Structure formats: C-alpha cells, structure tokens
C-alpha cells in the first residue's frame, strides 16, 4: 500500500483474449483499482478485485489474484490489451474525485 493511495472502482467491458491475443468474447465488470501518484508526477495503478455478474445465474462473482488465479490471468491480459483506455478512464475519475 502506498502513502497517497486512492481506491477507484471502474465499470468497464473487458475482452477475453487467448494467450496469443485472439479475441474470444467480452464481459462487463467492476474493477477495484489502487491508484497512487508516482515519483514522475503521474498516477500508477494496480487492479485489486473484479466483480462480474453471471448472465446465466444472475449472481455476482468477485475474485482477486488469490481466490481465482486463472480468471485473474485473463483480467490482467485484458487490462494489458486496453492499457491506454484504462489509464485514461482512471485519470479522469481521479481528476473528478479531486
């Protein structure tokens, strides 16, 4: 945990990609991020938890890197794919919160 850490929840649609980056499908989710100001006067961020609703059971499913490592790998792959978009949305939310 960083000294100036802020927690931000971002609703977004993430792609499910193969390890080679091929698109399979996408899912809507809420991602909890920890955001902190870096030494370079920029914001760094790290995902902490994802919550999604199962479309067949209509139940929420929350997970993180420890509770569901396989799904977490899929989320990290999607975040890496959409890195610029996610960073822009987080910076926008951080500016609004200030």
PDB file of N, CA and C in Angstrom:
ATOM      1  N   UNK A   1       0.844  -1.180   0.000  1.00  0.00           N
ATOM      2  CA  UNK A   1       0.000   0.000   0.000  1.00  0.00           C
ATOM      3  C   UNK A   1       0.889   1.243   0.000  1.00  0.00           C
ATOM      4  N   UNK A   2       0.541   2.193  -0.844  1.00  0.00           N
ATOM      5  CA  UNK A   2       1.284   3.439  -0.975  1.00  0.00           C
ATOM      6  C   UNK A   2       0.713   4.484  -0.013  1.00  0.00           C
ATOM      7  N   UNK A   3       1.527   5.491   0.338  1.00  0.00           N
ATOM      8  CA  UNK A   3       1.081   6.541   1.247  1.00  0.00           C
ATOM      9  C   UNK A   3      -0.100   7.328   0.700  1.00  0.00           C
ATOM     10  N   UNK A   4      -0.064   7.670  -0.566  1.00  0.00           N
ATOM     11  CA  UNK A   4      -1.099   8.507  -1.157  1.00  0.00           C
ATOM     12  C   UNK A   4      -2.066   7.686  -2.016  1.00  0.00           C
ATOM     13  N   UNK A   5      -2.340   6.474  -1.606  1.00  0.00           N
ATOM     14  CA  UNK A   5      -3.171   5.565  -2.384  1.00  0.00           C
ATOM     15  C   UNK A   5      -4.639   5.955  -2.320  1.00  0.00           C
ATOM     16  N   UNK A   6      -5.297   5.906  -3.480  1.00  0.00           N
ATOM     17  CA  UNK A   6      -6.739   6.113  -3.576  1.00  0.00           C
ATOM     18  C   UNK A   6      -7.345   4.873  -4.207  1.00  0.00           C
ATOM     19  N   UNK A   7      -8.543   4.527  -3.770  1.00  0.00           N
ATOM     20  CA  UNK A   7      -9.236   3.384  -4.343  1.00  0.00           C
ATOM     21  C   UNK A   7     -10.308   3.882  -5.296  1.00  0.00           C
ATOM     22  N   UNK A   8     -10.311   3.349  -6.498  1.00  0.00           N
ATOM     23  CA  UNK A   8     -11.252   3.739  -7.536  1.00  0.00           C
ATOM     24  C   UNK A   8     -11.903   2.476  -8.086  1.00  0.00           C
ATOM     25  N   UNK A   9     -13.226   2.517  -8.295  1.00  0.00           N
ATOM     26  CA  UNK A   9     -13.929   1.416  -8.939  1.00  0.00           C
ATOM     27  C   UNK A   9     -14.332   1.873 -10.337  1.00  0.00           C
ATOM     28  N   UNK A  10     -14.001   1.074 -11.317  1.00  0.00           N
ATOM     29  CA  UNK A  10     -14.251   1.396 -12.715  1.00  0.00           C
ATOM     30  C   UNK A  10     -15.136   0.324 -13.324  1.00  0.00           C
ATOM     31  N   UNK A  11     -16.274   0.727 -13.871  1.00  0.00           N
ATOM     32  CA  UNK A  11     -17.121  -0.193 -14.618  1.00  0.00           C
ATOM     33  C   UNK A  11     -16.676  -0.196 -16.062  1.00  0.00           C
ATOM     34  N   UNK A  12     -16.461  -1.369 -16.626  1.00  0.00           N
ATOM     35  CA  UNK A  12     -15.968  -1.444 -17.998  1.00  0.00           C
ATOM     36  C   UNK A  12     -16.335  -2.791 -18.612  1.00  0.00           C
ATOM     37  N   UNK A  13     -16.068  -2.916 -19.889  1.00  0.00           N
ATOM     38  CA  UNK A  13     -16.203  -4.180 -20.605  1.00  0.00           C
ATOM     39  C   UNK A  13     -14.802  -4.636 -20.975  1.00  0.00           C
ATOM     40  N   UNK A  14     -14.452  -5.834 -20.571  1.00  0.00           N
ATOM     41  CA  UNK A  14     -13.123  -6.370 -20.862  1.00  0.00           C
ATOM     42  C   UNK A  14     -13.217  -7.498 -21.874  1.00  0.00           C
ATOM     43  N   UNK A  15     -12.251  -7.564 -22.782  1.00  0.00           N
ATOM     44  CA  UNK A  15     -12.216  -8.693 -23.714  1.00  0.00           C
ATOM     45  C   UNK A  15     -11.585  -9.917 -23.050  1.00  0.00           C
ATOM     46  N   UNK A  16     -12.035 -11.081 -23.438  1.00  0.00           N
ATOM     47  CA  UNK A  16     -11.370 -12.321 -23.050  1.00  0.00           C
ATOM     48  C   UNK A  16     -10.525 -12.711 -24.259  1.00  0.00           C
ATOM     49  N   UNK A  17      -9.211 -12.747 -24.045  1.00  0.00           N
ATOM     50  CA  UNK A  17      -8.271 -12.997 -25.134  1.00  0.00           C
ATOM     51  C   UNK A  17      -7.487 -14.273 -24.880  1.00  0.00           C
ATOM     52  N   UNK A  18      -7.099 -14.936 -25.950  1.00  0.00           N
ATOM     53  CA  UNK A  18      -6.202 -16.081 -25.816  1.00  0.00           C
ATOM     54  C   UNK A  18      -4.817 -15.559 -25.464  1.00  0.00           C
ATOM     55  N   UNK A  19      -3.917 -16.451 -25.113  1.00  0.00           N
ATOM     56  CA  UNK A  19      -2.553 -16.033 -24.788  1.00  0.00           C
ATOM     57  C   UNK A  19      -1.860 -15.385 -25.978  1.00  0.00           C
ATOM     58  N   UNK A  20      -2.314 -15.666 -27.177  1.00  0.00           N
ATOM     59  CA  UNK A  20      -1.758 -15.032 -28.382  1.00  0.00           C
ATOM     60  C   UNK A  20      -2.474 -13.734 -28.739  1.00  0.00           C
ATOM     61  N   UNK A  21      -3.465 -13.360 -27.927  1.00  0.00           N
ATOM     62  CA  UNK A  21      -4.152 -12.096 -28.150  1.00  0.00           C
ATOM     63  C   UNK A  21      -5.371 -12.175 -29.051  1.00  0.00           C
ATOM     64  N   UNK A  22      -5.833 -13.379 -29.363  1.00  0.00           N
ATOM     65  CA  UNK A  22      -7.032 -13.524 -30.188  1.00  0.00           C
ATOM     66  C   UNK A  22      -8.282 -13.353 -29.342  1.00  0.00           C
ATOM     67  N   UNK A  23      -9.243 -12.615 -29.878  1.00  0.00           N
ATOM     68  CA  UNK A  23     -10.486 -12.310 -29.173  1.00  0.00           C
ATOM     69  C   UNK A  23     -11.368 -13.546 -29.068  1.00  0.00           C
ATOM     70  N   UNK A  24     -11.935 -13.793 -27.860  1.00  0.00           N
ATOM     71  CA  UNK A  24     -12.876 -14.887 -27.661  1.00  0.00           C
ATOM     72  C   UNK A  24     -14.272 -14.314 -27.426  1.00  0.00           C
ATOM     73  N   UNK A  25     -14.391 -13.445 -26.428  1.00  0.00           N
ATOM     74  CA  UNK A  25     -15.654 -12.811 -26.091  1.00  0.00           C
ATOM     75  C   UNK A  25     -15.334 -11.636 -25.175  1.00  0.00           C
ATOM     76  N   UNK A  26     -16.342 -11.032 -24.591  1.00  0.00           N
ATOM     77  CA  UNK A  26     -16.105  -9.946 -23.641  1.00  0.00           C
ATOM     78  C   UNK A  26     -17.092 -10.043 -22.498  1.00  0.00           C
ATOM     79  N   UNK A  27     -16.782  -9.362 -21.387  1.00  0.00           N
ATOM     80  CA  UNK A  27     -17.676  -9.373 -20.239  1.00  0.00           C
ATOM     81  C   UNK A  27     -17.656  -8.017 -19.546  1.00  0.00           C
ATOM     82  N   UNK A  28     -18.805  -7.667 -18.979  1.00  0.00           N
ATOM     83  CA  UNK A  28     -18.927  -6.436 -18.204  1.00  0.00           C
ATOM     84  C   UNK A  28     -18.518  -6.724 -16.773  1.00  0.00           C
ATOM     85  N   UNK A  29     -17.840  -5.764 -16.164  1.00  0.00           N
ATOM     86  CA  UNK A  29     -17.395  -5.976 -14.789  1.00  0.00           C
ATOM     87  C   UNK A  29     -17.121  -4.650 -14.100  1.00  0.00           C
ATOM     88  N   UNK A  30     -16.934  -4.719 -12.814  1.00  0.00           N
ATOM     89  CA  UNK A  30     -16.479  -3.611 -11.982  1.00  0.00           C
ATOM     90  C   UNK A  30     -15.092  -4.006 -11.482  1.00  0.00           C
ATOM     91  N   UNK A  31     -14.120  -3.115 -11.668  1.00  0.00           N
ATOM     92  CA  UNK A  31     -12.759  -3.407 -11.222  1.00  0.00           C
ATOM     93  C   UNK A  31     -12.370  -2.402 -10.158  1.00  0.00           C
ATOM     94  N   UNK A  32     -11.938  -2.899  -9.010  1.00  0.00           N
ATOM     95  CA  UNK A  32     -11.409  -2.045  -7.949  1.00  0.00           C
ATOM     96  C   UNK A  32      -9.914  -1.882  -8.176  1.00  0.00           C
ATOM     97  N   UNK A  33      -9.482  -0.616  -8.285  1.00  0.00           N
ATOM     98  CA  UNK A  33      -8.075  -0.300  -8.506  1.00  0.00           C
ATOM     99  C   UNK A  33      -7.516   0.457  -7.310  1.00  0.00           C
ATOM    100  N   UNK A  34      -6.259   0.230  -7.015  1.00  0.00           N
ATOM    101  CA  UNK A  34      -5.490   1.089  -6.113  1.00  0.00           C
ATOM    102  C   UNK A  34      -4.709   2.021  -7.029  1.00  0.00           C
ATOM    103  N   UNK A  35      -4.792   3.328  -6.775  1.00  0.00           N
ATOM    104  CA  UNK A  35      -4.095   4.326  -7.592  1.00  0.00           C
ATOM    105  C   UNK A  35      -3.233   5.177  -6.664  1.00  0.00           C
ATOM    106  N   UNK A  36      -2.051   5.512  -7.121  1.00  0.00           N
ATOM    107  CA  UNK A  36      -1.172   6.358  -6.327  1.00  0.00           C
ATOM    108  C   UNK A  36      -0.323   7.209  -7.254  1.00  0.00           C
ATOM    109  N   UNK A  37       0.087   8.365  -6.754  1.00  0.00           N
ATOM    110  CA  UNK A  37       0.927   9.268  -7.522  1.00  0.00           C
ATOM    111  C   UNK A  37       2.361   8.774  -7.464  1.00  0.00           C
ATOM    112  N   UNK A  38       2.976   8.646  -8.623  1.00  0.00           N
ATOM    113  CA  UNK A  38       4.341   8.138  -8.677  1.00  0.00           C
ATOM    114  C   UNK A  38       5.342   9.279  -8.549  1.00  0.00           C
ATOM    115  N   UNK A  39       6.607   8.917  -8.527  1.00  0.00           N
ATOM    116  CA  UNK A  39       7.677   9.913  -8.440  1.00  0.00           C
ATOM    117  C   UNK A  39       7.733  10.796  -9.682  1.00  0.00           C
ATOM    118  N   UNK A  40       7.174  10.328 -10.774  1.00  0.00           N
ATOM    119  CA  UNK A  40       7.225  11.070 -12.036  1.00  0.00           C
ATOM    120  C   UNK A  40       6.049  12.033 -12.177  1.00  0.00           C
ATOM    121  N   UNK A  41       5.303  12.295 -11.106  1.00  0.00           N
ATOM    122  CA  UNK A  41       4.136  13.171 -11.138  1.00  0.00           C
ATOM    123  C   UNK A  41       3.015  12.599 -12.012  1.00  0.00           C
ATOM    124  N   UNK A  42       2.934  11.287 -12.070  1.00  0.00           N
ATOM    125  CA  UNK A  42       1.899  10.597 -12.811  1.00  0.00           C
ATOM    126  C   UNK A  42       1.185   9.660 -11.850  1.00  0.00           C
ATOM    127  N   UNK A  43       0.088   9.076 -12.299  1.00  0.00           N
ATOM    128  CA  UNK A  43      -0.635   8.109 -11.491  1.00  0.00           C
ATOM    129  C   UNK A  43      -0.304   6.707 -11.950  1.00  0.00           C
ATOM    130  N   UNK A  44       0.069   5.861 -11.020  1.00  0.00           N
ATOM    131  CA  UNK A  44       0.234   4.436 -11.273  1.00  0.00           C
ATOM    132  C   UNK A  44      -0.989   3.733 -10.712  1.00  0.00           C
ATOM    133  N   UNK A  45      -1.284   2.567 -11.211  1.00  0.00           N
ATOM    134  CA  UNK A  45      -2.463   1.849 -10.742  1.00  0.00           C
ATOM    135  C   UNK A  45      -2.231   0.345 -10.773  1.00  0.00           C
ATOM    136  N   UNK A  46      -3.044  -0.322  -9.967  1.00  0.00           N
ATOM    137  CA  UNK A  46      -2.951  -1.776  -9.864  1.00  0.00           C
ATOM    138  C   UNK A  46      -4.348  -2.312  -9.587  1.00  0.00           C
ATOM    139  N   UNK A  47      -4.802  -3.302 -10.341  1.00  0.00           N
ATOM    140  CA  UNK A  47      -6.120  -3.880 -10.058  1.00  0.00           C
ATOM    141  C   UNK A  47      -6.071  -4.685  -8.764  1.00  0.00           C
ATOM    142  N   UNK A  48      -7.144  -4.610  -7.989  1.00  0.00           N
ATOM    143  CA  UNK A  48      -7.196  -5.345  -6.716  1.00  0.00           C
ATOM    144  C   UNK A  48      -8.292  -6.414  -6.687  1.00  0.00           C
ATOM    145  N   UNK A  49      -9.453  -6.100  -7.293  1.00  0.00           N
ATOM    146  CA  UNK A  49     -10.569  -7.051  -7.248  1.00  0.00           C
ATOM    147  C   UNK A  49     -11.472  -6.795  -8.446  1.00  0.00           C
ATOM    148  N   UNK A  50     -12.069  -7.857  -8.964  1.00  0.00           N
ATOM    149  CA  UNK A  50     -13.013  -7.764 -10.070  1.00  0.00           C
ATOM    150  C   UNK A  50     -14.337  -8.365  -9.622  1.00  0.00           C
ATOM    151  N   UNK A  51     -15.433  -7.706  -9.987  1.00  0.00           N
ATOM    152  CA  UNK A  51     -16.770  -8.230  -9.710  1.00  0.00           C
ATOM    153  C   UNK A  51     -17.528  -8.273 -11.028  1.00  0.00           C
ATOM    154  N   UNK A  52     -18.087  -9.425 -11.324  1.00  0.00           N
ATOM    155  CA  UNK A  52     -18.885  -9.580 -12.533  1.00  0.00           C
ATOM    156  C   UNK A  52     -20.154 -10.332 -12.187  1.00  0.00           C
ATOM    157  N   UNK A  53     -21.176 -10.170 -13.011  1.00  0.00           N
ATOM    158  CA  UNK A  53     -22.440 -10.863 -12.801  1.00  0.00           C
ATOM    159  C   UNK A  53     -22.565 -11.964 -13.840  1.00  0.00           C
ATOM    160  N   UNK A  54     -22.826 -13.157 -13.366  1.00  0.00           N
ATOM    161  CA  UNK A  54     -23.027 -14.286 -14.270  1.00  0.00           C
ATOM    162  C   UNK A  54     -24.335 -14.084 -15.022  1.00  0.00           C
ATOM    163  N   UNK A  55     -24.299 -14.173 -16.341  1.00  0.00           N
ATOM    164  CA  UNK A  55     -25.517 -13.943 -17.110  1.00  0.00           C
ATOM    165  C   UNK A  55     -26.463 -15.145 -17.055  1.00  0.00           C
ATOM    166  N   UNK A  56     -25.966 -16.320 -16.698  1.00  0.00           N
ATOM    167  CA  UNK A  56     -26.863 -17.470 -16.616  1.00  0.00           C
ATOM    168  C   UNK A  56     -27.499 -17.609 -15.236  1.00  0.00           C
ATOM    169  N   UNK A  57     -26.777 -17.230 -14.196  1.00  0.00           N
ATOM    170  CA  UNK A  57     -27.299 -17.372 -12.832  1.00  0.00           C
ATOM    171  C   UNK A  57     -27.674 -16.037 -12.202  1.00  0.00           C
ATOM    172  N   UNK A  58     -27.287 -14.928 -12.811  1.00  0.00           N
ATOM    173  CA  UNK A  58     -27.530 -13.576 -12.289  1.00  0.00           C
ATOM    174  C   UNK A  58     -27.022 -13.412 -10.867  1.00  0.00           C
ATOM    175  N   UNK A  59     -25.891 -14.034 -10.595  1.00  0.00           N
ATOM    176  CA  UNK A  59     -25.245 -13.890  -9.305  1.00  0.00           C
ATOM    177  C   UNK A  59     -23.923 -13.187  -9.492  1.00  0.00           C
ATOM    178  N   UNK A  60     -23.556 -12.349  -8.520  1.00  0.00           N
ATOM    179  CA  UNK A  60     -22.261 -11.678  -8.589  1.00  0.00           C
ATOM    180  C   UNK A  60     -21.150 -12.634  -8.214  1.00  0.00           C
ATOM    181  N   UNK A  61     -20.061 -12.488  -8.916  1.00  0.00           N
ATOM    182  CA  UNK A  61     -18.862 -13.291  -8.646  1.00  0.00           C
ATOM    183  C   UNK A  61     -17.703 -12.314  -8.507  1.00  0.00           C
ATOM    184  N   UNK A  62     -17.089 -12.272  -7.332  1.00  0.00           N
ATOM    185  CA  UNK A  62     -15.930 -11.409  -7.103  1.00  0.00           C
ATOM    186  C   UNK A  62     -14.696 -12.281  -6.918  1.00  0.00           C
ATOM    187  N   UNK A  63     -13.576 -11.798  -7.447  1.00  0.00           N
ATOM    188  CA  UNK A  63     -12.348 -12.567  -7.308  1.00  0.00           C
ATOM    189  C   UNK A  63     -11.152 -11.630  -7.366  1.00  0.00           C
ATOM    190  N   UNK A  64     -10.025 -12.150  -6.896  1.00  0.00           N
ATOM    191  CA  UNK A  64      -8.754 -11.430  -6.973  1.00  0.00           C
ATOM    192  C   UNK A  64      -7.680 -12.434  -7.363  1.00  0.00           C
ATOM    193  N   UNK A  65      -6.431 -12.015  -7.268  1.00  0.00           N
ATOM    194  CA  UNK A  65      -5.338 -12.883  -7.720  1.00  0.00           C
ATOM    195  C   UNK A  65      -5.197 -14.163  -6.908  1.00  0.00           C
ATOM    196  N   UNK A  66      -5.654 -14.145  -5.675  1.00  0.00           N
ATOM    197  CA  UNK A  66      -5.514 -15.335  -4.824  1.00  0.00           C
ATOM    198  C   UNK A  66      -6.737 -16.256  -4.896  1.00  0.00           C
ATOM    199  N   UNK A  67      -7.934 -15.686  -4.995  1.00  0.00           N
ATOM    200  CA  UNK A  67      -9.137 -16.517  -4.970  1.00  0.00           C
ATOM    201  C   UNK A  67      -9.422 -17.217  -6.299  1.00  0.00           C
ATOM    202  N   UNK A  68      -8.993 -16.636  -7.412  1.00  0.00           N
ATOM    203  CA  UNK A  68      -9.221 -17.257  -8.725  1.00  0.00           C
ATOM    204  C   UNK A  68      -8.084 -16.870  -9.676  1.00  0.00           C
ATOM    205  N   UNK A  69      -6.905 -17.495  -9.524  1.00  0.00           N
ATOM    206  CA  UNK A  69      -5.741 -17.129 -10.331  1.00  0.00           C
ATOM    207  C   UNK A  69      -5.961 -17.259 -11.838  1.00  0.00           C
ATOM    208  N   UNK A  70      -6.759 -18.232 -12.268  1.00  0.00           N
ATOM    209  CA  UNK A  70      -6.988 -18.418 -13.707  1.00  0.00           C
ATOM    210  C   UNK A  70      -7.769 -17.238 -14.284  1.00  0.00           C
ATOM    211  N   UNK A  71      -8.842 -16.815 -13.617  1.00  0.00           N
ATOM    212  CA  UNK A  71      -9.602 -15.653 -14.090  1.00  0.00           C
ATOM    213  C   UNK A  71      -8.768 -14.388 -13.970  1.00  0.00           C
ATOM    214  N   UNK A  72      -7.962 -14.302 -12.923  1.00  0.00           N
ATOM    215  CA  UNK A  72      -7.121 -13.114 -12.733  1.00  0.00           C
ATOM    216  C   UNK A  72      -6.152 -12.945 -13.904  1.00  0.00           C
ATOM    217  N   UNK A  73      -5.609 -14.050 -14.401  1.00  0.00           N
ATOM    218  CA  UNK A  73      -4.706 -14.001 -15.553  1.00  0.00           C
ATOM    219  C   UNK A  73      -5.444 -13.453 -16.783  1.00  0.00           C
ATOM    220  N   UNK A  74      -6.688 -13.852 -16.959  1.00  0.00           N
ATOM    221  CA  UNK A  74      -7.496 -13.357 -18.078  1.00  0.00           C
ATOM    222  C   UNK A  74      -7.732 -11.859 -17.944  1.00  0.00           C
ATOM    223  N   UNK A  75      -8.024 -11.404 -16.720  1.00  0.00           N
ATOM    224  CA  UNK A  75      -8.242  -9.970 -16.485  1.00  0.00           C
ATOM    225  C   UNK A  75      -6.963  -9.179 -16.759  1.00  0.00           C
ATOM    226  N   UNK A  76      -5.828  -9.661 -16.263  1.00  0.00           N
ATOM    227  CA  UNK A  76      -4.569  -8.948 -16.498  1.00  0.00           C
ATOM    228  C   UNK A  76      -4.240  -8.875 -17.985  1.00  0.00           C
ATOM    229  N   UNK A  77      -4.521  -9.937 -18.717  1.00  0.00           N
ATOM    230  CA  UNK A  77      -4.290  -9.942 -20.160  1.00  0.00           C
ATOM    231  C   UNK A  77      -5.176  -8.885 -20.838  1.00  0.00           C
ATOM    232  N   UNK A  78      -6.435  -8.789 -20.413  1.00  0.00           N
ATOM    233  CA  UNK A  78      -7.353  -7.805 -20.977  1.00  0.00           C
ATOM    234  C   UNK A  78      -6.923  -6.385 -20.623  1.00  0.00           C
ATOM    235  N   UNK A  79      -6.491  -6.179 -19.376  1.00  0.00           N
ATOM    236  CA  UNK A  79      -6.046  -4.844 -18.960  1.00  0.00           C
ATOM    237  C   UNK A  79      -4.806  -4.424 -19.736  1.00  0.00           C
ATOM    238  N   UNK A  80      -3.909  -5.362 -19.987  1.00  0.00           N
ATOM    239  CA  UNK A  80      -2.716  -5.047 -20.764  1.00  0.00           C
ATOM    240  C   UNK A  80      -3.102  -4.652 -22.193  1.00  0.00           C
ATOM    241  N   UNK A  81      -4.092  -5.350 -22.738  1.00  0.00           N
ATOM    242  CA  UNK A  81      -4.575  -5.061 -24.088  1.00  0.00           C
ATOM    243  C   UNK A  81      -5.193  -3.663 -24.176  1.00  0.00           C
ATOM    244  N   UNK A  82      -5.924  -3.250 -23.148  1.00  0.00           N
ATOM    245  CA  UNK A  82      -6.616  -1.954 -23.123  1.00  0.00           C
ATOM    246  C   UNK A  82      -5.941  -0.966 -22.181  1.00  0.00           C
ATOM    247  N   UNK A  83      -4.634  -1.070 -22.010  1.00  0.00           N
ATOM    248  CA  UNK A  83      -3.887  -0.282 -21.032  1.00  0.00           C
ATOM    249  C   UNK A  83      -4.121   1.225 -21.160  1.00  0.00           C
ATOM    250  N   UNK A  84      -4.042   1.774 -22.354  1.00  0.00           N
ATOM    251  CA  UNK A  84      -4.216   3.221 -22.537  1.00  0.00           C
ATOM    252  C   UNK A  84      -5.632   3.659 -22.171  1.00  0.00           C
ATOM    253  N   UNK A  85      -6.628   2.895 -22.601  1.00  0.00           N
ATOM    254  CA  UNK A  85      -8.020   3.230 -22.293  1.00  0.00           C
ATOM    255  C   UNK A  85      -8.271   3.194 -20.786  1.00  0.00           C
ATOM    256  N   UNK A  86      -7.809   2.146 -20.125  1.00  0.00           N
ATOM    257  CA  UNK A  86      -7.998   2.018 -18.676  1.00  0.00           C
ATOM    258  C   UNK A  86      -7.303   3.165 -17.956  1.00  0.00           C
ATOM    259  N   UNK A  87      -6.062   3.472 -18.321  1.00  0.00           N
ATOM    260  CA  UNK A  87      -5.319   4.562 -17.684  1.00  0.00           C
ATOM    261  C   UNK A  87      -6.039   5.889 -17.872  1.00  0.00           C
ATOM    262  N   UNK A  88      -6.554   6.154 -19.071  1.00  0.00           N
ATOM    263  CA  UNK A  88      -7.288   7.398 -19.317  1.00  0.00           C
ATOM    264  C   UNK A  88      -8.540   7.487 -18.463  1.00  0.00           C
ATOM    265  N   UNK A  89      -9.290   6.396 -18.363  1.00  0.00           N
ATOM    266  CA  UNK A  89     -10.516   6.390 -17.540  1.00  0.00           C
ATOM    267  C   UNK A  89     -10.187   6.597 -16.062  1.00  0.00           C
ATOM    268  N   UNK A  90      -9.123   5.938 -15.570  1.00  0.00           N
ATOM    269  CA  UNK A  90      -8.743   6.110 -14.165  1.00  0.00           C
ATOM    270  C   UNK A  90      -8.298   7.547 -13.893  1.00  0.00           C
ATOM    271  N   UNK A  91      -7.534   8.118 -14.785  1.00  0.00           N
ATOM    272  CA  UNK A  91      -7.078   9.513 -14.589  1.00  0.00           C
ATOM    273  C   UNK A  91      -8.272  10.463 -14.579  1.00  0.00           C
ATOM    274  N   UNK A  92      -9.253  10.200 -15.429  1.00  0.00           N
ATOM    275  CA  UNK A  92     -10.466  11.015 -15.466  1.00  0.00           C
ATOM    276  C   UNK A  92     -11.220  10.912 -14.131  1.00  0.00           C
ATOM    277  N   UNK A  93     -11.374   9.699 -13.612  1.00  0.00           N
ATOM    278  CA  UNK A  93     -12.047   9.511 -12.332  1.00  0.00           C
ATOM    279  C   UNK A  93     -11.278  10.148 -11.179  1.00  0.00           C
ATOM    280  N   UNK A  94      -9.960  10.072 -11.221  1.00  0.00           N
ATOM    281  CA  UNK A  94      -9.133  10.693 -10.175  1.00  0.00           C
ATOM    282  C   UNK A  94      -9.262  12.221 -10.203  1.00  0.00           C
ATOM    283  N   UNK A  95      -9.313  12.791 -11.407  1.00  0.00           N
ATOM    284  CA  UNK A  95      -9.497  14.253 -11.508  1.00  0.00           C
ATOM    285  C   UNK A  95     -10.863  14.671 -10.960  1.00  0.00           C
ATOM    286  N   UNK A  96     -11.892  13.871 -11.257  1.00  0.00           N
ATOM    287  CA  UNK A  96     -13.230  14.172 -10.758  1.00  0.00           C
ATOM    288  C   UNK A  96     -13.285  14.079  -9.233  1.00  0.00           C
ATOM    289  N   UNK A  97     -12.549  13.134  -8.676  1.00  0.00           N
ATOM    290  CA  UNK A  97     -12.567  12.937  -7.216  1.00  0.00           C
ATOM    291  C   UNK A  97     -11.784  14.030  -6.481  1.00  0.00           C
ATOM    292  N   UNK A  98     -10.878  14.702  -7.172  1.00  0.00           N
ATOM    293  CA  UNK A  98     -10.026  15.720  -6.524  1.00  0.00           C
ATOM    294  C   UNK A  98     -10.805  16.999  -6.230  1.00  0.00           C
TER     295      UNK A  98
END
